[in-house]
Amino acid sequence: MTLITDHPGGCTISIRVVPNAPRTALAVNQARDRLVVKVTSTPREGKANQELLRLLGKVLGVPPTSLKIIRGASSRDKLVLLPERDVQGLRKRLQERLAERS
C-alpha cells in the first residue's frame, strides 16, 4: 500500500473524495494507489473536507485537528498530512480498520 508515504512533517495519504454520497465509506483503489472516501456532505464551504478529516481521524485514531490537507483543498483528489512518522504502523492500522469496516 504505497498510498501512504513519508513526508518531512510526518506521513501523507493520497485520497479521492466522493461528496454527496448516500453514506460514508472507505475503500482502497489499488489501481490508482489511493484511498477512496465517500462522504455525505456537499463540497460547499469546506463541509466535505471537514467530514473527511473527522472520518480519517476516527479511523486512524488521531485527532482530526492534527490532520491537514496539504494539496487539493478544492479538488476531489487530496493529499492529507498526518503528524505520525511511522509509515509502516500507519499502513497496518489503516488495513486493519478497512478490514473491520468490510
Protein backbone atom coordinates (compact mmCIF):
# COMPACT_ATOMS: atom_id res chain seq x y z
CA MET A 1 0.00 0.00 0.00
CA THR A 2 2.03 2.98 -1.24
CA LEU A 3 -0.85 5.41 -0.87
CA ILE A 4 0.87 6.30 2.42
CA THR A 5 4.27 7.92 2.00
CA ASP A 6 6.90 9.51 4.19
CA HIS A 7 6.94 13.32 4.40
CA PRO A 8 9.17 15.74 6.35
CA GLY A 9 6.16 16.67 8.50
CA GLY A 10 5.00 13.08 9.09
CA CYS A 11 3.15 10.85 6.60
CA THR A 12 0.86 11.65 3.70
CA ILE A 13 -2.18 9.76 2.43
CA SER A 14 -3.38 10.10 -1.14
CA ILE A 15 -7.17 10.39 -1.15
CA ARG A 16 -10.03 10.65 -3.66
CA VAL A 17 -13.13 12.19 -2.04
CA VAL A 18 -16.62 11.44 -3.34
CA PRO A 19 -19.01 14.04 -1.89
CA ASN A 20 -22.81 13.77 -1.71
CA ALA A 21 -22.64 10.00 -1.19
CA PRO A 22 -25.67 8.23 0.29
CA ARG A 23 -23.44 7.01 3.16
CA THR A 24 -19.86 7.38 4.33
CA ALA A 25 -17.46 4.68 3.21
CA LEU A 26 -13.75 3.95 2.81
CA ALA A 27 -12.04 1.78 0.23
CA VAL A 28 -8.63 1.43 -1.37
CA ASN A 29 -8.31 1.91 -5.11
CA GLN A 30 -5.18 -0.17 -5.68
CA ALA A 31 -5.01 0.60 -9.40
CA ARG A 32 -4.70 4.32 -8.61
CA ASP A 33 -2.90 3.80 -5.29
CA ARG A 34 -5.19 5.97 -3.20
CA LEU A 35 -7.83 5.81 -0.54
CA VAL A 36 -11.37 6.50 -1.75
CA VAL A 37 -13.51 8.20 0.87
CA LYS A 38 -17.23 8.72 0.31
CA VAL A 39 -18.79 11.46 2.44
CA THR A 40 -22.41 12.57 2.73
CA SER A 41 -21.54 16.29 2.91
CA THR A 42 -21.64 18.67 -0.01
CA PRO A 43 -18.38 20.11 -1.33
CA ARG A 44 -19.53 23.62 -0.40
CA GLU A 45 -17.86 25.81 2.22
CA GLY A 46 -15.40 23.05 3.14
CA LYS A 47 -18.07 20.75 4.60
CA ALA A 48 -16.84 17.68 2.70
CA ASN A 49 -13.25 18.42 3.79
CA GLN A 50 -14.34 18.72 7.42
CA GLU A 51 -16.21 15.42 7.23
CA LEU A 52 -13.20 13.79 5.55
CA LEU A 53 -10.84 14.90 8.34
CA ARG A 54 -13.29 13.81 11.07
CA LEU A 55 -13.70 10.38 9.47
CA LEU A 56 -9.95 9.91 8.93
CA GLY A 57 -9.24 10.97 12.49
CA LYS A 58 -11.76 8.46 13.81
CA VAL A 59 -10.50 5.62 11.61
CA LEU A 60 -6.82 6.26 12.30
CA GLY A 61 -7.24 7.09 15.98
CA VAL A 62 -5.83 10.62 15.77
CA PRO A 63 -7.44 13.99 16.50
CA PRO A 64 -8.95 15.48 13.31
CA THR A 65 -7.28 18.77 14.18
CA SER A 66 -3.86 17.11 13.71
CA LEU A 67 -4.66 16.30 10.06
CA LYS A 68 -4.02 18.82 7.29
CA ILE A 69 -4.98 18.87 3.63
CA ILE A 70 -1.72 19.95 2.01
CA ARG A 71 -2.86 19.55 -1.60
CA GLY A 72 -6.26 19.60 -3.26
CA ALA A 73 -8.37 21.55 -0.76
CA SER A 74 -10.81 22.45 -3.55
CA SER A 75 -10.36 19.24 -5.56
CA ARG A 76 -11.60 15.68 -5.18
CA ASP A 77 -8.00 14.44 -5.21
CA LYS A 78 -6.28 15.34 -1.96
CA LEU A 79 -3.06 14.78 -0.11
CA VAL A 80 -3.55 14.69 3.67
CA LEU A 81 -0.68 15.12 6.11
CA LEU A 82 -0.61 13.19 9.39
CA PRO A 83 1.92 14.11 12.07
CA GLU A 84 2.78 10.42 12.56
CA ARG A 85 6.25 9.28 11.41
CA ASP A 86 5.67 5.51 11.50
CA VAL A 87 4.65 4.78 7.89
CA GLN A 88 4.55 1.01 8.39
CA GLY A 89 2.48 1.27 11.56
CA LEU A 90 0.05 3.63 9.86
CA ARG A 91 -0.31 1.29 6.86
CA LYS A 92 -1.02 -1.63 9.18
CA ARG A 93 -3.56 0.35 11.21
CA LEU A 94 -5.35 1.53 8.05
CA GLN A 95 -5.50 -2.02 6.65
CA GLU A 96 -6.93 -3.28 9.95
CA ARG A 97 -9.57 -0.55 10.04
CA LEU A 98 -10.56 -1.19 6.42
CA ALA A 99 -10.87 -4.92 7.14
CA GLU A 100 -13.12 -4.16 10.14
CA ARG A 101 -15.39 -1.99 8.00
CA SER A 102 -15.86 -4.56 5.21
